[in-house]
């Protein structure tokens, strides 16, 4: 399976919704929200196919405010 990417633009205060289908056999999903501007805040919500919220992630969750949220989501079911 190749790399699948979504590119979009957004302005401060806006909300963009994107849906990305992944195969049922996928064990790792990498999410990289890269705003590139550390002066504005980021928030990312990731939902499962059943609608459960995995979490709300913020730019500073990794200890630095750098305009990027980079996640590895690992499936715990085999």
C-alpha atoms as a PDB file:
ATOM      1  CA  UNK A   1       0.000   0.000   0.000  1.00  0.00           C
ATOM      2  CA  UNK A   2       1.368   3.401  -0.934  1.00  0.00           C
ATOM      3  CA  UNK A   3       1.444   6.636   0.976  1.00  0.00           C
ATOM      4  CA  UNK A   4      -1.940   8.357   1.101  1.00  0.00           C
ATOM      5  CA  UNK A   5      -1.932  12.062   1.795  1.00  0.00           C
ATOM      6  CA  UNK A   6      -4.491  14.830   2.131  1.00  0.00           C
ATOM      7  CA  UNK A   7      -3.389  18.404   1.427  1.00  0.00           C
ATOM      8  CA  UNK A   8      -5.562  21.347   2.357  1.00  0.00           C
ATOM      9  CA  UNK A   9      -5.406  24.932   3.572  1.00  0.00           C
ATOM     10  CA  UNK A  10      -7.010  26.470   6.625  1.00  0.00           C
ATOM     11  CA  UNK A  11      -7.052  29.856   8.340  1.00  0.00           C
ATOM     12  CA  UNK A  12      -6.903  30.650  12.038  1.00  0.00           C
ATOM     13  CA  UNK A  13     -10.293  29.994  13.663  1.00  0.00           C
ATOM     14  CA  UNK A  14     -11.552  27.681  10.896  1.00  0.00           C
ATOM     15  CA  UNK A  15     -12.333  23.980  11.192  1.00  0.00           C
ATOM     16  CA  UNK A  16     -11.625  21.488   8.426  1.00  0.00           C
ATOM     17  CA  UNK A  17     -13.066  17.979   8.477  1.00  0.00           C
ATOM     18  CA  UNK A  18     -11.450  15.158   6.519  1.00  0.00           C
ATOM     19  CA  UNK A  19     -12.432  11.532   6.264  1.00  0.00           C
ATOM     20  CA  UNK A  20      -9.810   8.959   5.348  1.00  0.00           C
ATOM     21  CA  UNK A  21     -10.699   5.291   4.896  1.00  0.00           C
ATOM     22  CA  UNK A  22      -8.087   2.723   5.852  1.00  0.00           C
ATOM     23  CA  UNK A  23      -8.098  -1.031   5.278  1.00  0.00           C
ATOM     24  CA  UNK A  24      -9.214  -3.314   8.094  1.00  0.00           C
ATOM     25  CA  UNK A  25      -5.811  -5.024   8.156  1.00  0.00           C
ATOM     26  CA  UNK A  26      -3.892  -1.814   8.846  1.00  0.00           C
ATOM     27  CA  UNK A  27      -1.897  -2.009  12.079  1.00  0.00           C
ATOM     28  CA  UNK A  28      -0.247   1.437  12.061  1.00  0.00           C
ATOM     29  CA  UNK A  29      -1.603   4.821  11.017  1.00  0.00           C
ATOM     30  CA  UNK A  30       0.696   7.848  10.925  1.00  0.00           C
ATOM     31  CA  UNK A  31      -1.028  11.232  11.194  1.00  0.00           C
ATOM     32  CA  UNK A  32       1.054  14.347  10.531  1.00  0.00           C
ATOM     33  CA  UNK A  33      -0.736  17.685  10.861  1.00  0.00           C
ATOM     34  CA  UNK A  34       1.913  20.229   9.931  1.00  0.00           C
ATOM     35  CA  UNK A  35       0.800  23.857  10.142  1.00  0.00           C
ATOM     36  CA  UNK A  36       4.378  25.159  10.093  1.00  0.00           C
ATOM     37  CA  UNK A  37       3.483  28.238  12.150  1.00  0.00           C
ATOM     38  CA  UNK A  38       4.118  28.006  15.875  1.00  0.00           C
ATOM     39  CA  UNK A  39       2.254  31.265  16.599  1.00  0.00           C
ATOM     40  CA  UNK A  40      -1.174  29.673  16.043  1.00  0.00           C
ATOM     41  CA  UNK A  41      -2.595  26.770  18.054  1.00  0.00           C
ATOM     42  CA  UNK A  42      -3.537  23.393  16.591  1.00  0.00           C
ATOM     43  CA  UNK A  43      -6.080  20.831  17.733  1.00  0.00           C
ATOM     44  CA  UNK A  44      -6.669  17.450  16.109  1.00  0.00           C
ATOM     45  CA  UNK A  45      -9.424  14.933  16.825  1.00  0.00           C
ATOM     46  CA  UNK A  46      -9.195  11.376  15.494  1.00  0.00           C
ATOM     47  CA  UNK A  47     -12.263   9.119  15.389  1.00  0.00           C
ATOM     48  CA  UNK A  48     -12.536   5.368  14.870  1.00  0.00           C
ATOM     49  CA  UNK A  49     -14.911   3.969  12.200  1.00  0.00           C
ATOM     50  CA  UNK A  50     -17.472   3.347  14.959  1.00  0.00           C
ATOM     51  CA  UNK A  51     -17.329   7.011  15.959  1.00  0.00           C
ATOM     52  CA  UNK A  52     -15.289   6.659  19.148  1.00  0.00           C
ATOM     53  CA  UNK A  53     -12.930   9.567  19.818  1.00  0.00           C
ATOM     54  CA  UNK A  54      -9.329   8.390  20.199  1.00  0.00           C
ATOM     55  CA  UNK A  55      -8.345  11.704  21.646  1.00  0.00           C
ATOM     56  CA  UNK A  56      -8.025  15.387  21.172  1.00  0.00           C
ATOM     57  CA  UNK A  57      -4.408  16.194  20.441  1.00  0.00           C
ATOM     58  CA  UNK A  58      -2.804  19.610  20.771  1.00  0.00           C
ATOM     59  CA  UNK A  59       0.347  21.094  19.276  1.00  0.00           C
ATOM     60  CA  UNK A  60       2.158  21.214  22.617  1.00  0.00           C
ATOM     61  CA  UNK A  61       1.349  17.586  23.586  1.00  0.00           C
ATOM     62  CA  UNK A  62       4.931  16.567  22.752  1.00  0.00           C
ATOM     63  CA  UNK A  63       6.396  19.318  24.943  1.00  0.00           C
ATOM     64  CA  UNK A  64       7.010  21.821  22.179  1.00  0.00           C
ATOM     65  CA  UNK A  65       4.840  24.273  20.295  1.00  0.00           C
ATOM     66  CA  UNK A  66       6.066  24.020  16.721  1.00  0.00           C
ATOM     67  CA  UNK A  67       2.959  24.068  14.531  1.00  0.00           C
ATOM     68  CA  UNK A  68       2.895  20.291  14.152  1.00  0.00           C
ATOM     69  CA  UNK A  69       1.015  17.298  15.557  1.00  0.00           C
ATOM     70  CA  UNK A  70       2.674  14.006  14.632  1.00  0.00           C
ATOM     71  CA  UNK A  71       1.000  10.771  15.779  1.00  0.00           C
ATOM     72  CA  UNK A  72       1.576   7.044  15.459  1.00  0.00           C
ATOM     73  CA  UNK A  73      -1.695   5.196  16.058  1.00  0.00           C
ATOM     74  CA  UNK A  74      -1.031   1.507  16.598  1.00  0.00           C
ATOM     75  CA  UNK A  75      -3.774  -1.120  16.438  1.00  0.00           C
ATOM     76  CA  UNK A  76      -3.814  -3.309  19.518  1.00  0.00           C
ATOM     77  CA  UNK A  77      -6.008  -5.970  17.927  1.00  0.00           C
ATOM     78  CA  UNK A  78      -4.560  -8.546  15.572  1.00  0.00           C
END
